[in-house]
N, C-alpha and C. Protein backbone atom coordinates (compact mmCIF):
# COMPACT_ATOMS: atom_id res chain seq x y z
N MET A 1 0.81 -1.22 0.00
CA MET A 1 0.00 0.00 0.00
C MET A 1 0.84 1.27 0.00
N GLY A 2 2.11 1.17 0.35
CA GLY A 2 2.94 2.36 0.34
C GLY A 2 2.88 3.13 1.64
N THR A 3 3.39 4.34 1.59
CA THR A 3 3.43 5.18 2.77
C THR A 3 2.08 5.87 3.00
N VAL A 4 1.96 6.50 4.15
CA VAL A 4 0.73 7.23 4.47
C VAL A 4 0.47 8.31 3.44
N THR A 5 1.50 9.08 3.11
CA THR A 5 1.34 10.17 2.14
C THR A 5 0.89 9.63 0.78
N GLU A 6 1.54 8.57 0.31
CA GLU A 6 1.16 7.96 -0.97
C GLU A 6 -0.27 7.43 -0.91
N TYR A 7 -0.62 6.78 0.19
CA TYR A 7 -1.96 6.22 0.32
C TYR A 7 -3.01 7.32 0.26
N LEU A 8 -2.80 8.40 1.01
CA LEU A 8 -3.79 9.47 1.06
C LEU A 8 -4.03 10.09 -0.31
N GLU A 9 -3.01 10.09 -1.16
CA GLU A 9 -3.18 10.61 -2.52
C GLU A 9 -4.17 9.78 -3.32
N SER A 10 -4.38 8.52 -2.93
CA SER A 10 -5.29 7.64 -3.66
C SER A 10 -6.73 7.67 -3.14
N VAL A 11 -6.94 8.34 -2.03
CA VAL A 11 -8.27 8.39 -1.41
C VAL A 11 -9.13 9.43 -2.12
N THR A 12 -10.44 9.17 -2.22
CA THR A 12 -11.36 10.12 -2.86
C THR A 12 -11.33 11.46 -2.12
N ALA A 13 -11.53 12.53 -2.85
CA ALA A 13 -11.32 13.89 -2.35
C ALA A 13 -12.03 14.19 -1.03
N GLY A 14 -13.31 13.94 -0.92
CA GLY A 14 -14.04 14.26 0.31
C GLY A 14 -13.52 13.49 1.50
N ASN A 15 -13.23 12.23 1.30
CA ASN A 15 -12.71 11.41 2.38
C ASN A 15 -11.25 11.76 2.69
N ARG A 16 -10.50 12.14 1.68
CA ARG A 16 -9.09 12.47 1.87
C ARG A 16 -8.94 13.60 2.87
N THR A 17 -9.75 14.63 2.76
CA THR A 17 -9.67 15.77 3.67
C THR A 17 -9.83 15.33 5.12
N ILE A 18 -10.78 14.45 5.36
CA ILE A 18 -11.04 13.97 6.72
C ILE A 18 -9.87 13.14 7.23
N LEU A 19 -9.37 12.23 6.42
CA LEU A 19 -8.27 11.38 6.84
C LEU A 19 -6.98 12.19 7.00
N GLU A 20 -6.77 13.17 6.12
CA GLU A 20 -5.58 14.02 6.25
C GLU A 20 -5.61 14.81 7.56
N ARG A 21 -6.80 15.23 7.98
CA ARG A 21 -6.91 15.97 9.25
C ARG A 21 -6.50 15.08 10.43
N ILE A 22 -6.90 13.83 10.41
CA ILE A 22 -6.52 12.91 11.49
C ILE A 22 -5.01 12.71 11.50
N VAL A 23 -4.42 12.54 10.34
CA VAL A 23 -2.96 12.38 10.25
C VAL A 23 -2.26 13.65 10.71
N GLU A 24 -2.81 14.80 10.37
CA GLU A 24 -2.25 16.07 10.81
C GLU A 24 -2.23 16.16 12.33
N LEU A 25 -3.33 15.76 12.97
CA LEU A 25 -3.39 15.76 14.43
C LEU A 25 -2.34 14.83 15.01
N ALA A 26 -2.18 13.67 14.40
CA ALA A 26 -1.19 12.70 14.86
C ALA A 26 0.21 13.29 14.76
N ARG A 27 0.49 13.99 13.67
CA ARG A 27 1.83 14.59 13.48
C ARG A 27 2.07 15.72 14.48
N GLU A 28 1.01 16.44 14.86
CA GLU A 28 1.16 17.48 15.87
C GLU A 28 1.55 16.87 17.21
N LEU A 29 0.92 15.75 17.56
CA LEU A 29 1.19 15.09 18.84
C LEU A 29 2.52 14.34 18.84
N ALA A 30 2.91 13.83 17.69
CA ALA A 30 4.15 13.06 17.58
C ALA A 30 4.91 13.50 16.34
N PRO A 31 5.54 14.67 16.40
CA PRO A 31 6.26 15.17 15.22
C PRO A 31 7.40 14.26 14.78
N ASP A 32 7.83 13.37 15.66
CA ASP A 32 8.90 12.43 15.33
C ASP A 32 8.39 11.16 14.67
N ALA A 33 7.08 11.05 14.47
CA ALA A 33 6.50 9.86 13.85
C ALA A 33 7.04 9.69 12.44
N GLU A 34 7.31 8.44 12.09
CA GLU A 34 7.82 8.12 10.77
C GLU A 34 6.76 7.35 9.99
N GLU A 35 6.79 7.51 8.67
CA GLU A 35 5.88 6.76 7.83
C GLU A 35 6.43 5.36 7.61
N GLY A 36 5.55 4.39 7.62
CA GLY A 36 5.94 3.01 7.41
C GLY A 36 4.72 2.15 7.20
N VAL A 37 4.85 0.89 7.55
CA VAL A 37 3.76 -0.07 7.41
C VAL A 37 3.65 -0.86 8.70
N SER A 38 2.43 -1.08 9.16
CA SER A 38 2.17 -1.92 10.32
C SER A 38 0.93 -2.74 10.02
N TYR A 39 1.02 -4.02 10.27
CA TYR A 39 -0.07 -4.95 9.95
C TYR A 39 -0.53 -4.80 8.51
N GLY A 40 0.40 -4.52 7.62
CA GLY A 40 0.09 -4.41 6.21
C GLY A 40 -0.58 -3.12 5.79
N MET A 41 -0.71 -2.17 6.72
CA MET A 41 -1.37 -0.89 6.43
C MET A 41 -0.34 0.24 6.46
N PRO A 42 -0.53 1.26 5.60
CA PRO A 42 0.33 2.42 5.72
C PRO A 42 0.08 3.05 7.08
N ALA A 43 1.16 3.35 7.80
CA ALA A 43 0.99 3.78 9.18
C ALA A 43 2.02 4.82 9.58
N LEU A 44 1.68 5.56 10.62
CA LEU A 44 2.66 6.38 11.30
C LEU A 44 3.21 5.52 12.42
N LEU A 45 4.53 5.51 12.55
CA LEU A 45 5.20 4.72 13.57
C LEU A 45 5.92 5.63 14.54
N VAL A 46 5.87 5.27 15.81
CA VAL A 46 6.61 5.98 16.84
C VAL A 46 7.46 4.95 17.56
N ASP A 47 8.73 5.20 17.62
CA ASP A 47 9.67 4.25 18.23
C ASP A 47 9.53 2.87 17.60
N GLY A 48 9.23 2.84 16.29
CA GLY A 48 9.10 1.59 15.56
C GLY A 48 7.78 0.86 15.76
N LYS A 49 6.89 1.43 16.56
CA LYS A 49 5.60 0.78 16.84
C LYS A 49 4.46 1.51 16.12
N GLY A 50 3.45 0.76 15.72
CA GLY A 50 2.29 1.35 15.06
C GLY A 50 1.62 2.37 15.96
N PHE A 51 1.43 3.57 15.44
CA PHE A 51 0.79 4.66 16.18
C PHE A 51 -0.59 4.95 15.59
N LEU A 52 -0.69 5.01 14.27
CA LEU A 52 -1.96 5.35 13.62
C LEU A 52 -1.97 4.89 12.18
N SER A 53 -3.11 4.38 11.78
CA SER A 53 -3.40 4.17 10.36
C SER A 53 -4.82 4.64 10.14
N VAL A 54 -5.07 5.21 8.98
CA VAL A 54 -6.42 5.60 8.58
C VAL A 54 -6.64 5.05 7.17
N LEU A 55 -7.81 4.48 6.94
CA LEU A 55 -8.10 3.89 5.64
C LEU A 55 -9.51 4.23 5.17
N GLU A 56 -9.67 4.23 3.87
CA GLU A 56 -10.97 4.37 3.22
C GLU A 56 -11.36 2.98 2.72
N THR A 57 -12.55 2.53 3.08
CA THR A 57 -13.08 1.27 2.55
C THR A 57 -14.34 1.60 1.75
N LYS A 58 -14.93 0.59 1.13
CA LYS A 58 -16.14 0.83 0.35
C LYS A 58 -17.29 1.33 1.22
N LYS A 59 -17.34 0.88 2.48
CA LYS A 59 -18.49 1.19 3.34
C LYS A 59 -18.23 2.26 4.37
N HIS A 60 -16.97 2.54 4.71
CA HIS A 60 -16.68 3.49 5.78
C HIS A 60 -15.22 3.95 5.73
N LEU A 61 -14.92 4.87 6.61
CA LEU A 61 -13.55 5.28 6.89
C LEU A 61 -13.16 4.62 8.20
N ALA A 62 -11.87 4.41 8.42
CA ALA A 62 -11.47 3.72 9.64
C ALA A 62 -10.20 4.32 10.21
N LEU A 63 -10.14 4.33 11.53
CA LEU A 63 -8.97 4.77 12.28
C LEU A 63 -8.50 3.56 13.08
N TYR A 64 -7.22 3.25 12.98
CA TYR A 64 -6.61 2.12 13.69
C TYR A 64 -5.55 2.65 14.64
N PRO A 65 -5.77 2.56 15.96
CA PRO A 65 -4.77 3.04 16.91
C PRO A 65 -3.74 1.97 17.32
N PHE A 66 -3.78 0.81 16.67
CA PHE A 66 -2.84 -0.28 16.96
C PHE A 66 -2.82 -0.67 18.43
N SER A 67 -4.00 -0.67 19.03
CA SER A 67 -4.17 -1.12 20.41
C SER A 67 -5.60 -1.60 20.57
N GLY A 68 -5.76 -2.71 21.25
CA GLY A 68 -7.11 -3.21 21.51
C GLY A 68 -7.68 -2.73 22.83
N GLN A 69 -6.97 -1.83 23.51
CA GLN A 69 -7.42 -1.37 24.82
C GLN A 69 -8.01 0.03 24.83
N ILE A 70 -7.61 0.87 23.90
CA ILE A 70 -8.01 2.28 23.92
C ILE A 70 -9.50 2.47 23.67
N LEU A 71 -10.00 1.92 22.59
CA LEU A 71 -11.41 2.15 22.23
C LEU A 71 -12.38 1.54 23.24
N PRO A 72 -12.14 0.33 23.76
CA PRO A 72 -13.05 -0.17 24.79
C PRO A 72 -13.12 0.74 26.02
N GLU A 73 -12.02 1.37 26.36
CA GLU A 73 -12.01 2.30 27.50
C GLU A 73 -12.84 3.54 27.22
N MET A 74 -13.06 3.86 25.95
CA MET A 74 -13.83 5.04 25.56
C MET A 74 -15.24 4.67 25.08
N SER A 75 -15.68 3.48 25.35
CA SER A 75 -16.92 2.95 24.75
C SER A 75 -18.13 3.87 24.92
N GLU A 76 -18.26 4.51 26.06
CA GLU A 76 -19.41 5.39 26.27
C GLU A 76 -19.37 6.59 25.34
N GLU A 77 -18.19 7.08 25.04
CA GLU A 77 -18.04 8.24 24.16
C GLU A 77 -18.20 7.87 22.68
N LEU A 78 -18.09 6.58 22.37
CA LEU A 78 -18.12 6.13 20.97
C LEU A 78 -19.51 5.71 20.52
N GLY A 79 -20.52 6.06 21.27
CA GLY A 79 -21.88 5.62 20.99
C GLY A 79 -22.38 5.85 19.58
N GLY A 80 -21.95 6.93 18.92
CA GLY A 80 -22.43 7.23 17.59
C GLY A 80 -21.61 6.60 16.48
N TYR A 81 -20.65 5.75 16.85
CA TYR A 81 -19.76 5.15 15.86
C TYR A 81 -19.75 3.64 15.98
N SER A 82 -19.47 3.00 14.88
CA SER A 82 -19.25 1.56 14.87
C SER A 82 -17.78 1.34 15.23
N TRP A 83 -17.52 0.41 16.13
CA TRP A 83 -16.15 0.17 16.52
C TRP A 83 -15.96 -1.26 17.01
N SER A 84 -14.73 -1.69 16.97
CA SER A 84 -14.31 -2.94 17.57
C SER A 84 -13.08 -2.57 18.39
N PRO A 85 -12.52 -3.47 19.16
CA PRO A 85 -11.40 -3.06 20.00
C PRO A 85 -10.23 -2.40 19.26
N GLY A 86 -10.00 -2.73 18.00
CA GLY A 86 -8.86 -2.16 17.29
C GLY A 86 -9.19 -1.22 16.16
N THR A 87 -10.49 -0.93 15.94
CA THR A 87 -10.90 -0.14 14.78
C THR A 87 -12.06 0.78 15.13
N LEU A 88 -11.95 2.04 14.74
CA LEU A 88 -13.05 2.99 14.85
C LEU A 88 -13.51 3.29 13.44
N ARG A 89 -14.79 2.99 13.14
CA ARG A 89 -15.35 3.21 11.81
C ARG A 89 -16.26 4.45 11.84
N PHE A 90 -16.15 5.25 10.78
CA PHE A 90 -16.93 6.48 10.70
C PHE A 90 -17.13 6.84 9.24
N SER A 91 -17.76 7.96 8.97
CA SER A 91 -18.01 8.37 7.59
C SER A 91 -17.74 9.86 7.43
N ALA A 92 -17.75 10.30 6.19
CA ALA A 92 -17.59 11.73 5.93
C ALA A 92 -18.77 12.51 6.50
N ASP A 93 -19.92 11.87 6.57
CA ASP A 93 -21.11 12.51 7.13
C ASP A 93 -21.09 12.54 8.65
N ASN A 94 -20.29 11.67 9.27
CA ASN A 94 -20.21 11.59 10.72
C ASN A 94 -18.74 11.41 11.12
N PRO A 95 -17.91 12.45 10.86
CA PRO A 95 -16.48 12.32 11.17
C PRO A 95 -16.24 12.31 12.68
N VAL A 96 -15.08 11.85 13.05
CA VAL A 96 -14.69 11.81 14.46
C VAL A 96 -14.21 13.21 14.86
N PRO A 97 -14.75 13.76 15.96
CA PRO A 97 -14.32 15.09 16.38
C PRO A 97 -12.82 15.12 16.73
N ASP A 98 -12.18 16.25 16.47
CA ASP A 98 -10.76 16.39 16.77
C ASP A 98 -10.45 16.02 18.22
N SER A 99 -11.31 16.42 19.14
CA SER A 99 -11.06 16.15 20.57
C SER A 99 -10.99 14.64 20.84
N MET A 100 -11.83 13.87 20.18
CA MET A 100 -11.82 12.42 20.37
C MET A 100 -10.59 11.80 19.71
N VAL A 101 -10.24 12.29 18.53
CA VAL A 101 -9.04 11.80 17.85
C VAL A 101 -7.83 12.07 18.74
N ARG A 102 -7.73 13.28 19.27
CA ARG A 102 -6.60 13.63 20.14
C ARG A 102 -6.53 12.69 21.34
N ARG A 103 -7.66 12.41 21.95
CA ARG A 103 -7.66 11.55 23.14
C ARG A 103 -7.18 10.14 22.78
N ILE A 104 -7.66 9.61 21.67
CA ILE A 104 -7.23 8.29 21.22
C ILE A 104 -5.72 8.29 20.99
N LEU A 105 -5.25 9.29 20.27
CA LEU A 105 -3.83 9.35 19.91
C LEU A 105 -2.94 9.63 21.12
N GLU A 106 -3.38 10.49 22.02
CA GLU A 106 -2.60 10.75 23.24
C GLU A 106 -2.48 9.50 24.08
N THR A 107 -3.56 8.72 24.16
CA THR A 107 -3.54 7.48 24.93
C THR A 107 -2.59 6.47 24.29
N ARG A 108 -2.63 6.36 22.97
CA ARG A 108 -1.74 5.43 22.28
C ARG A 108 -0.28 5.87 22.42
N LEU A 109 -0.03 7.15 22.27
CA LEU A 109 1.33 7.67 22.40
C LEU A 109 1.89 7.39 23.78
N ALA A 110 1.09 7.60 24.81
CA ALA A 110 1.54 7.32 26.18
C ALA A 110 1.88 5.85 26.36
N ALA A 111 1.08 4.96 25.76
CA ALA A 111 1.34 3.52 25.85
C ALA A 111 2.65 3.15 25.15
N ILE A 112 2.89 3.75 24.00
CA ILE A 112 4.13 3.46 23.26
C ILE A 112 5.35 3.93 24.05
N ARG A 113 5.24 5.08 24.65
CA ARG A 113 6.41 5.68 25.31
C ARG A 113 6.55 5.27 26.77
N LYS A 114 5.69 4.40 27.24
CA LYS A 114 5.73 3.95 28.63
C LYS A 114 6.96 3.16 28.92
């Protein structure tokens, strides 16, 4: 799939803007993050560990924090979204608020750097 930057270039315009915003937030929180691949997905890596991946699928957009613990801990806040322990699914019509993205990413970053 290539790097995050290459992948985002292939995403449809409306969805690209949303996914680019999530990546932008991740880069603000972890300016040292490197582009790479984790679990076969283009990802931002911190200290060699998966930090974030965002993907466009036929049915939804998805955010992967590379942890099965973060989203279950936020389950009450995720009521309007479809999610599993490792994936948050959303759409261009119902994007994830920046504050929620930041909380997910801050939690993942703390776990990586622990």
